[in-house]
Amino acid sequence: MSTELEAASAQPIAPAKRTTVAAGSVARSIAEAVWALFSLVTGVIVARHLGAAGKGIVSSIGYLAALVGPAITFGLGEAGVTLTRSRGRSLGEAARAAVAWIALASIPGAAVLVAFIVLQFSNDLDHLEGATLSAIVAVPAMATWYALALLIEAEGGLLATSAIKVLIAIVTLVATAILVLHFELAVAGAVAAIAGGFVVGALLCIGWLWRKRSVLAWPRWSAAFVRDALRIGLPIQGSFLLVGLAARADLLIVQVIKGATATGYYSVALTMGQVVAYGPVALSAASFPVAAGFQLKEVVPFIERAGRTAVAAGVVSAIVFLPALPFVLPLLFGAGFSQAVDLAFVLVPGGILHGLQWVTCRLWAAQGRGSLLAVSSAATLVTMIALALVLVPAGGAMGAAVASLVSSVVGAVIAVGGHRRFAGGHGSLVGFVPGPADFGRIARLPQMLWRRLTASP
């Protein structure tokens, strides 16, 4: 069955016009690439103007905000997709309840964020008041954008959320240039730019819902919806929290043990190493609403196909990206960041495996089985922290990179093993091994998206 037919057969209650998984994956891949480009330029501005130490502080605070923001949603965005797609709940109720929940949860979320910053930067607090305030603003903005974007994608608005994500990156870049370069606000300006980007993203999502679905995403409490949503969303969001920690908690370990300068180098390497995961992330975004509508016999081959496509996309990205890395990274960030090249080479294979883990677990979460994401992410996190605490004191950032790679192997193995357990007699581990057809499918995706964009309405 083709990807287009799979997507169409899974949409019994959705609007008639919907982006297919293939076209949606390419659209989101393009958006992720553009996002990465603008984020890269933003990072270059911060690194060149503030140095490795300033880059390390901005990356650490930005990471903390990105961890807390989605966490305070408690999975109401993902749960909203499941409840509206397969259980008959209304989009308006889901959007309004999510915003009401975020408004309340932002208060303890901000307190947790401030506590993290105080613990992490106790010696630099006199210079971080503005950055801390900006990070507090970023938390509800990021949470609102995150939750509402998922609901929009379930309504067939993947192209819209992809465009919004690009606009967030553009706003952040422009704000960084103004606040850091022109007004010389240093770390505070860089973090304020991050907050500004997500405020714009949240407002654009609210505007889309109002304009396209006549839904005003105004806070309105719904105890019944929140109760049902938390049953689904809490395990998923708990898993995402583990994913977030597993993705960059080693950055904080390097910060504590080796300081801001080493953290700056490692943050650049992490950014480069995750380039190969943009395709799988895009694939999971396009596939999540589809997987939510499948029965077991249908979803198992769908997940296996998505998994091997994710691996193929990561491999293709690595083949294109790695040869240029030794030249591109120092050119962008400066010769002082050359040591980040070796770190990125170690992190790239882990990025490919992380893509497989993410797609597999994410699509099972769409079936209401968030435990696989939780277990595999917990194993990744525990492995990474244990190895990093052993390797970083002597090996510095390279020790953290090795720990990250090994932990990615552990996470991917557990994810694929969990798939086999959930699938029962319907699954096969061989289904995750990409073949020529999978690489050919990736090569054809741009043409497919072009046909869709140029087709007559």
Protein backbone atom coordinates (compact mmCIF):
# COMPACT_ATOMS: atom_id res chain seq x y z
CA MET A 1 0.00 0.00 0.00
CA SER A 2 1.40 3.42 -0.93
CA THR A 3 2.03 6.09 1.67
CA GLU A 4 -0.70 8.25 0.15
CA LEU A 5 -3.28 5.47 0.39
CA GLU A 6 -2.23 4.68 3.95
CA ALA A 7 -2.77 8.29 4.94
CA ALA A 8 -6.12 8.50 3.19
CA SER A 9 -7.48 5.31 4.74
CA ALA A 10 -6.67 6.53 8.23
CA GLN A 11 -8.72 9.74 8.10
CA PRO A 12 -12.41 8.80 8.57
CA ILE A 13 -13.33 11.81 10.66
CA ALA A 14 -10.85 14.40 9.38
CA PRO A 15 -11.38 17.18 6.86
CA ALA A 16 -11.34 16.01 3.28
CA LYS A 17 -8.24 17.94 2.28
CA ARG A 18 -5.21 16.70 4.15
CA THR A 19 -1.48 16.58 3.60
CA THR A 20 -0.21 13.06 2.94
CA VAL A 21 2.53 11.54 5.08
CA ALA A 22 4.96 11.73 2.15
CA ALA A 23 4.26 15.37 1.25
CA GLY A 24 3.98 16.31 4.89
CA SER A 25 7.30 14.69 5.69
CA VAL A 26 9.04 16.60 2.92
CA ALA A 27 7.36 19.86 3.95
CA ARG A 28 8.41 19.39 7.55
CA SER A 29 11.90 18.28 6.46
CA ILE A 30 12.25 21.50 4.50
CA ALA A 31 10.95 23.44 7.50
CA GLU A 32 13.42 21.64 9.79
CA ALA A 33 16.24 22.40 7.36
CA VAL A 34 15.30 26.08 7.19
CA TRP A 35 14.83 26.13 10.96
CA ALA A 36 18.28 24.59 11.33
CA LEU A 37 19.78 27.13 8.94
CA PHE A 38 18.38 30.15 10.77
CA SER A 39 19.17 28.60 14.15
CA LEU A 40 22.70 27.99 12.92
CA VAL A 41 23.08 31.63 11.93
CA THR A 42 21.66 32.64 15.32
CA GLY A 43 24.18 30.37 17.03
CA VAL A 44 26.99 31.82 14.94
CA ILE A 45 26.05 35.35 16.02
CA VAL A 46 25.98 34.32 19.68
CA ALA A 47 29.22 32.32 19.45
CA ARG A 48 31.19 34.95 17.58
CA HIS A 49 29.92 37.88 19.69
CA LEU A 50 29.84 36.27 23.14
CA GLY A 51 32.55 33.63 22.76
CA ALA A 52 32.47 29.98 23.78
CA ALA A 53 31.59 30.81 27.41
CA GLY A 54 28.65 33.04 26.44
CA LYS A 55 27.47 30.46 23.91
CA GLY A 56 27.58 27.81 26.62
CA ILE A 57 25.45 29.88 29.02
CA VAL A 58 22.86 30.75 26.35
CA SER A 59 22.66 27.10 25.23
CA SER A 60 22.22 25.88 28.81
CA ILE A 61 19.45 28.38 29.65
CA GLY A 62 17.77 27.79 26.30
CA TYR A 63 17.89 24.05 26.89
CA LEU A 64 16.32 24.43 30.35
CA ALA A 65 13.49 26.57 28.94
CA ALA A 66 12.94 24.07 26.10
CA LEU A 67 12.73 21.30 28.69
CA VAL A 68 10.27 23.01 31.03
CA GLY A 69 8.03 24.56 28.34
CA PRO A 70 6.68 21.37 26.74
CA ALA A 71 6.76 19.58 30.11
CA ILE A 72 4.11 21.86 31.65
CA THR A 73 1.62 20.82 28.95
CA PHE A 74 1.51 17.38 30.61
CA GLY A 75 0.86 15.92 27.16
CA LEU A 76 -2.46 17.71 26.57
CA GLY A 77 -1.45 18.42 22.97
CA GLU A 78 -0.77 14.77 22.15
CA ALA A 79 -3.82 13.68 24.12
CA GLY A 80 -5.91 16.24 22.26
CA VAL A 81 -4.89 14.63 18.96
CA THR A 82 -5.94 11.19 20.17
CA LEU A 83 -9.21 12.40 21.72
CA THR A 84 -10.27 14.46 18.70
CA ARG A 85 -9.14 11.99 16.06
CA SER A 86 -10.49 8.76 17.46
CA ARG A 87 -12.74 9.50 20.45
CA GLY A 88 -15.08 12.19 19.22
CA ARG A 89 -13.98 15.17 21.34
CA SER A 90 -14.15 18.63 19.78
CA LEU A 91 -11.19 20.68 18.62
CA GLY A 92 -12.46 23.75 20.47
CA GLU A 93 -12.66 21.94 23.77
CA ALA A 94 -9.16 20.52 23.31
CA ALA A 95 -7.60 23.90 22.41
CA ARG A 96 -9.29 25.88 25.18
CA ALA A 97 -8.60 23.28 27.86
CA ALA A 98 -4.94 23.07 26.82
CA VAL A 99 -4.49 26.84 27.03
CA ALA A 100 -6.23 26.98 30.42
CA TRP A 101 -3.99 24.22 31.74
CA ILE A 102 -0.86 25.95 30.44
CA ALA A 103 -1.88 29.23 32.12
CA LEU A 104 -2.03 27.46 35.48
CA ALA A 105 0.98 25.20 35.01
CA SER A 106 3.23 28.08 33.93
CA ILE A 107 3.52 29.29 37.52
CA PRO A 108 5.15 26.16 38.99
CA GLY A 109 6.97 25.70 35.68
CA ALA A 110 8.60 29.11 36.01
CA ALA A 111 9.56 28.32 39.61
CA VAL A 112 11.25 25.09 38.51
CA LEU A 113 13.09 26.93 35.74
CA VAL A 114 14.40 29.60 38.12
CA ALA A 115 15.53 26.91 40.55
CA PHE A 116 17.46 25.16 37.78
CA ILE A 117 19.13 28.40 36.73
CA VAL A 118 20.07 29.24 40.32
CA LEU A 119 21.61 25.81 40.85
CA GLN A 120 23.40 25.80 37.50
CA PHE A 121 24.78 29.36 37.55
CA SER A 122 25.03 30.24 41.24
CA ASN A 123 28.26 32.19 40.65
CA ASP A 124 26.90 34.30 37.77
CA LEU A 125 23.40 35.25 38.99
CA ASP A 126 24.24 38.96 39.20
CA HIS A 127 24.57 39.02 35.41
CA LEU A 128 21.64 36.75 34.54
CA GLU A 129 18.54 38.61 35.81
CA GLY A 130 17.44 39.61 32.31
CA ALA A 131 18.14 36.19 30.87
CA THR A 132 16.17 34.53 33.66
CA LEU A 133 13.16 36.81 33.15
CA SER A 134 13.23 36.15 29.42
CA ALA A 135 13.38 32.40 30.03
CA ILE A 136 10.32 32.67 32.28
CA VAL A 137 8.40 34.37 29.46
CA ALA A 138 9.52 31.69 27.03
CA VAL A 139 7.97 28.86 29.08
CA PRO A 140 4.22 29.54 28.53
CA ALA A 141 4.86 30.78 24.98
CA MET A 142 6.72 27.60 24.06
CA ALA A 143 4.10 25.41 25.76
CA THR A 144 1.22 27.10 23.92
CA TRP A 145 2.93 26.84 20.55
CA TYR A 146 3.83 23.21 21.19
CA ALA A 147 0.33 22.07 22.22
CA LEU A 148 -1.65 24.02 19.63
CA ALA A 149 0.68 23.06 16.78
CA LEU A 150 -0.09 19.40 17.43
CA LEU A 151 -3.84 20.08 17.25
CA ILE A 152 -3.36 22.04 14.02
CA GLU A 153 -1.39 19.17 12.48
CA ALA A 154 -4.19 16.76 13.38
CA GLU A 155 -6.51 19.06 11.42
CA GLY A 156 -4.38 18.74 8.30
CA GLY A 157 -2.36 21.88 8.97
CA LEU A 158 1.13 20.39 8.82
CA LEU A 159 2.21 22.83 6.13
CA ALA A 160 0.97 25.71 8.29
CA THR A 161 2.83 24.53 11.41
CA SER A 162 5.94 24.01 9.31
CA ALA A 163 5.72 27.60 8.10
CA ILE A 164 5.13 28.81 11.66
CA LYS A 165 8.22 26.96 12.85
CA VAL A 166 10.28 28.67 10.16
CA LEU A 167 8.88 32.06 11.20
CA ILE A 168 9.85 31.36 14.81
CA ALA A 169 13.43 30.81 13.67
CA ILE A 170 13.40 33.98 11.56
CA VAL A 171 12.02 36.10 14.40
CA THR A 172 14.61 34.65 16.78
CA LEU A 173 17.42 35.40 14.34
CA VAL A 174 16.32 38.97 13.70
CA ALA A 175 15.76 39.62 17.40
CA THR A 176 19.18 38.16 18.21
CA ALA A 177 20.86 40.42 15.67
CA ILE A 178 19.09 43.48 17.09
CA LEU A 179 19.41 42.70 20.79
CA VAL A 180 22.88 41.13 20.81
CA LEU A 181 24.68 43.00 18.03
CA HIS A 182 22.99 46.41 18.05
CA PHE A 183 21.97 46.86 21.69
CA GLU A 184 24.74 44.60 23.02
CA LEU A 185 22.49 42.93 25.60
CA ALA A 186 24.71 39.82 25.59
CA VAL A 187 23.19 36.70 27.17
CA ALA A 188 19.98 38.51 28.19
CA GLY A 189 19.43 39.64 24.61
CA ALA A 190 20.01 36.15 23.20
CA VAL A 191 17.54 34.53 25.59
CA ALA A 192 14.99 37.33 25.04
CA ALA A 193 15.21 36.64 21.31
CA ILE A 194 14.36 32.99 21.96
CA ALA A 195 11.34 34.04 24.02
CA GLY A 196 10.20 36.47 21.33
CA GLY A 197 10.28 33.80 18.67
CA PHE A 198 8.02 31.47 20.62
CA VAL A 199 5.61 34.26 21.55
CA VAL A 200 5.15 34.87 17.82
CA GLY A 201 4.72 31.13 17.23
CA ALA A 202 2.03 30.85 19.89
CA LEU A 203 0.12 33.84 18.49
CA LEU A 204 0.29 32.43 14.95
CA CYS A 205 -1.13 29.08 16.11
CA ILE A 206 -3.96 30.85 17.91
CA GLY A 207 -4.62 32.87 14.74
CA TRP A 208 -4.70 29.74 12.54
CA LEU A 209 -7.26 28.03 14.74
CA TRP A 210 -9.47 31.10 14.70
CA ARG A 211 -9.17 31.80 10.99
CA LYS A 212 -9.27 28.23 9.65
CA ARG A 213 -11.49 26.45 12.20
CA SER A 214 -13.33 29.32 13.93
CA VAL A 215 -11.91 28.13 17.24
CA LEU A 216 -10.90 30.80 19.74
CA ALA A 217 -8.13 29.27 21.84
CA TRP A 218 -9.11 31.22 24.94
CA PRO A 219 -8.58 29.59 28.36
CA ARG A 220 -11.67 27.65 29.40
CA TRP A 221 -11.46 24.94 32.00
CA SER A 222 -12.97 21.55 31.20
CA ALA A 223 -12.51 19.13 34.07
CA ALA A 224 -13.84 16.18 32.08
CA PHE A 225 -11.52 16.79 29.14
CA VAL A 226 -8.47 17.42 31.33
CA ARG A 227 -9.16 14.23 33.29
CA ASP A 228 -9.36 12.14 30.11
CA ALA A 229 -6.41 13.93 28.53
CA LEU A 230 -4.11 13.48 31.50
CA ARG A 231 -4.64 9.71 31.43
CA ILE A 232 -3.26 9.70 27.90
CA GLY A 233 -0.92 12.66 28.04
CA LEU A 234 0.92 12.17 31.33
CA PRO A 235 2.78 9.01 30.27
CA ILE A 236 3.59 10.58 26.90
CA GLN A 237 4.83 13.84 28.39
CA GLY A 238 6.77 12.01 31.06
CA SER A 239 8.43 10.16 28.24
CA PHE A 240 9.13 13.40 26.38
CA LEU A 241 10.71 14.84 29.50
CA LEU A 242 13.01 11.86 29.58
CA VAL A 243 13.68 12.36 25.86
CA GLY A 244 14.59 15.98 26.49
CA LEU A 245 16.89 15.05 29.34
CA ALA A 246 18.45 12.26 27.32
CA ALA A 247 19.00 14.63 24.40
CA ARG A 248 21.03 17.28 26.21
CA ALA A 249 21.39 16.61 29.92
CA ASP A 250 25.03 15.88 29.13
CA LEU A 251 25.33 19.56 28.21
CA LEU A 252 24.56 20.45 31.82
CA ILE A 253 27.03 17.82 33.06
CA VAL A 254 29.77 19.36 30.93
CA GLN A 255 28.78 22.80 32.24
CA VAL A 256 29.10 21.69 35.87
CA ILE A 257 32.31 19.68 35.48
CA LYS A 258 34.22 21.53 32.76
CA GLY A 259 32.70 25.02 32.68
CA ALA A 260 31.03 27.32 30.15
CA THR A 261 33.78 27.25 27.51
CA ALA A 262 33.74 23.46 27.09
CA THR A 263 29.95 23.65 27.12
CA GLY A 264 30.08 26.14 24.25
CA TYR A 265 32.14 23.75 22.14
CA TYR A 266 29.88 20.83 23.00
CA SER A 267 26.69 22.77 22.26
CA VAL A 268 27.95 23.51 18.75
CA ALA A 269 28.85 19.84 18.24
CA LEU A 270 25.39 18.76 19.46
CA THR A 271 23.78 21.10 16.96
CA MET A 272 25.85 19.67 14.13
CA GLY A 273 25.33 16.09 15.29
CA GLN A 274 21.56 16.42 15.31
CA VAL A 275 21.31 17.52 11.67
CA VAL A 276 20.81 13.88 10.64
CA ALA A 277 17.75 13.63 12.93
CA TYR A 278 15.74 16.41 11.26
CA GLY A 279 14.30 14.07 8.63
CA PRO A 280 13.06 11.48 11.17
CA VAL A 281 11.58 14.23 13.34
CA ALA A 282 9.70 15.54 10.31
CA LEU A 283 8.53 12.03 9.46
CA SER A 284 7.15 11.48 12.96
CA ALA A 285 5.30 14.80 12.86
CA ALA A 286 3.59 13.88 9.60
CA SER A 287 2.85 10.30 10.69
CA PHE A 288 1.57 10.88 14.23
CA PRO A 289 -2.07 11.76 13.32
CA VAL A 290 -2.17 8.91 10.81
CA ALA A 291 -0.86 6.32 13.27
CA ALA A 292 -3.46 7.46 15.80
CA GLY A 293 -6.22 6.29 13.44
CA PHE A 294 -4.85 2.83 12.56
CA GLN A 295 -5.76 -0.55 14.04
CA LEU A 296 -2.99 -2.88 15.23
CA LYS A 297 -2.64 -4.88 11.99
CA GLU A 298 -2.30 -1.64 10.03
CA VAL A 299 -0.07 0.33 12.38
CA VAL A 300 2.67 -2.31 12.77
CA PRO A 301 3.85 -2.30 9.13
CA PHE A 302 3.29 1.45 9.05
CA ILE A 303 5.69 1.95 11.99
CA GLU A 304 8.27 -0.41 10.51
CA ARG A 305 8.17 1.44 7.22
CA ALA A 306 8.48 4.78 9.00
CA GLY A 307 11.39 3.44 11.05
CA ARG A 308 13.44 2.22 8.12
CA THR A 309 12.64 5.43 6.22
CA ALA A 310 13.97 7.37 9.23
CA VAL A 311 17.21 5.37 9.16
CA ALA A 312 17.57 5.86 5.42
CA ALA A 313 16.98 9.60 5.76
CA GLY A 314 19.60 9.82 8.50
CA VAL A 315 22.17 7.90 6.46
CA VAL A 316 21.59 10.07 3.38
CA SER A 317 21.93 13.21 5.49
CA ALA A 318 25.18 11.94 7.01
CA ILE A 319 26.67 11.09 3.60
CA VAL A 320 25.96 14.60 2.38
CA PHE A 321 26.84 16.41 5.59
CA LEU A 322 29.94 14.79 7.08
CA PRO A 323 32.47 15.49 4.28
CA ALA A 324 31.73 19.22 4.52
CA LEU A 325 31.74 19.41 8.31
CA PRO A 326 35.50 20.01 8.89
CA PHE A 327 35.35 23.02 6.58
CA VAL A 328 31.90 24.42 7.36
CA LEU A 329 32.01 24.41 11.16
CA PRO A 330 35.21 26.50 11.63
CA LEU A 331 34.14 28.76 8.77
CA LEU A 332 30.86 29.54 10.50
CA PHE A 333 31.81 29.65 14.15
CA GLY A 334 35.46 30.60 13.85
CA ALA A 335 38.72 28.70 14.08
CA GLY A 336 38.40 28.62 17.86
CA PHE A 337 35.56 26.10 17.53
CA SER A 338 37.54 23.63 15.38
CA GLN A 339 37.73 21.11 18.22
CA ALA A 340 33.94 20.73 17.96
CA VAL A 341 34.40 18.93 14.62
CA ASP A 342 35.68 15.70 16.20
CA LEU A 343 32.85 15.83 18.72
CA ALA A 344 30.28 16.16 15.95
CA PHE A 345 31.69 13.14 14.08
CA VAL A 346 31.09 11.03 17.18
CA LEU A 347 27.58 12.41 17.69
CA VAL A 348 26.27 11.93 14.13
CA PRO A 349 25.78 8.10 14.31
CA GLY A 350 23.94 8.62 17.58
CA GLY A 351 21.68 11.12 15.81
CA ILE A 352 20.70 8.48 13.24
CA LEU A 353 19.86 5.96 15.98
CA HIS A 354 17.98 8.61 17.92
CA GLY A 355 15.84 9.21 14.83
CA LEU A 356 14.90 5.52 14.69
CA GLN A 357 14.12 5.49 18.41
CA TRP A 358 12.03 8.65 18.20
CA VAL A 359 9.93 7.59 15.21
CA THR A 360 9.23 4.11 16.60
CA CYS A 361 8.29 5.26 20.08
CA ARG A 362 6.41 8.35 18.91
CA LEU A 363 4.12 6.39 16.61
CA TRP A 364 3.37 3.82 19.30
CA ALA A 365 2.53 6.75 21.58
CA ALA A 366 -0.06 7.78 18.98
CA GLN A 367 -1.69 4.43 19.71
CA GLY A 368 -1.86 5.36 23.40
CA ARG A 369 1.23 3.31 24.27
CA GLY A 370 3.58 5.92 25.65
CA SER A 371 5.37 3.44 27.92
CA LEU A 372 7.84 2.45 25.19
CA LEU A 373 9.02 6.02 24.83
CA ALA A 374 9.34 6.29 28.60
CA VAL A 375 11.31 3.07 29.02
CA SER A 376 13.67 3.59 26.09
CA SER A 377 14.29 7.24 27.01
CA ALA A 378 14.90 6.34 30.65
CA ALA A 379 17.44 3.75 29.59
CA THR A 380 19.09 6.28 27.29
CA LEU A 381 19.22 8.87 30.07
CA VAL A 382 20.57 6.53 32.74
CA THR A 383 23.24 5.15 30.40
CA MET A 384 24.29 8.61 29.28
CA ILE A 385 24.49 10.11 32.77
CA ALA A 386 26.37 7.13 34.18
CA LEU A 387 28.93 7.13 31.37
CA ALA A 388 29.22 10.93 31.28
CA LEU A 389 29.98 11.12 34.99
CA VAL A 390 32.78 8.62 34.42
CA LEU A 391 34.13 9.95 31.11
CA VAL A 392 33.70 13.74 31.29
CA PRO A 393 36.12 14.44 34.20
CA ALA A 394 39.02 12.97 32.24
CA GLY A 395 37.81 13.24 28.65
CA GLY A 396 35.87 16.49 28.79
CA ALA A 397 33.38 17.08 25.99
CA MET A 398 34.67 14.05 24.04
CA GLY A 399 33.75 11.85 26.99
CA ALA A 400 30.24 13.28 26.86
CA ALA A 401 30.05 12.59 23.11
CA VAL A 402 31.03 8.94 23.59
CA ALA A 403 28.51 8.58 26.39
CA SER A 404 25.82 10.06 24.13
CA LEU A 405 26.61 7.65 21.30
CA VAL A 406 26.50 4.55 23.53
CA SER A 407 23.25 5.70 25.13
CA SER A 408 21.69 6.16 21.67
CA VAL A 409 22.53 2.55 20.83
CA VAL A 410 20.83 1.39 24.04
CA GLY A 411 17.73 3.51 23.37
CA ALA A 412 17.32 2.32 19.79
CA VAL A 413 17.69 -1.36 20.75
CA ILE A 414 15.01 -1.02 23.44
CA ALA A 415 12.68 0.86 21.08
CA VAL A 416 12.87 -1.79 18.38
CA GLY A 417 12.52 -4.57 20.97
CA GLY A 418 9.45 -2.86 22.41
CA HIS A 419 7.93 -2.62 18.96
CA ARG A 420 8.28 -6.37 18.54
CA ARG A 421 6.57 -6.94 21.88
CA PHE A 422 3.64 -4.60 21.10
CA ALA A 423 3.26 -5.98 17.58
CA GLY A 424 2.87 -9.59 18.69
CA GLY A 425 2.79 -11.81 15.65
CA HIS A 426 2.38 -8.90 13.25
CA GLY A 427 5.87 -7.40 13.53
CA SER A 428 9.34 -8.16 12.25
CA LEU A 429 12.68 -6.63 13.22
CA VAL A 430 13.80 -7.03 9.61
CA GLY A 431 11.12 -4.47 8.77
CA PHE A 432 13.36 -1.75 10.22
CA VAL A 433 16.27 -2.45 7.86
CA PRO A 434 16.21 0.04 4.96
CA GLY A 435 16.59 -1.23 1.42
CA PRO A 436 16.99 0.34 -2.02
CA ALA A 437 13.27 1.08 -2.19
CA ASP A 438 13.46 3.16 0.98
CA PHE A 439 16.37 5.24 -0.31
CA GLY A 440 14.53 5.61 -3.61
CA ARG A 441 11.43 6.82 -1.77
CA ILE A 442 13.48 9.54 -0.09
CA ALA A 443 14.89 10.62 -3.46
CA ARG A 444 11.37 10.92 -4.88
CA LEU A 445 9.90 12.92 -2.01
CA PRO A 446 10.93 16.39 -3.26
CA GLN A 447 9.31 15.69 -6.63
CA MET A 448 6.17 14.50 -4.88
CA LEU A 449 5.97 17.67 -2.81
CA TRP A 450 6.55 19.81 -5.90
CA ARG A 451 3.64 18.12 -7.69
CA ARG A 452 1.43 18.79 -4.70
CA LEU A 453 2.42 22.44 -4.41
CA THR A 454 1.94 23.08 -8.15
CA ALA A 455 -1.30 21.07 -8.47
CA SER A 456 -4.46 22.92 -9.32
CA PRO A 457 -6.75 23.55 -6.31
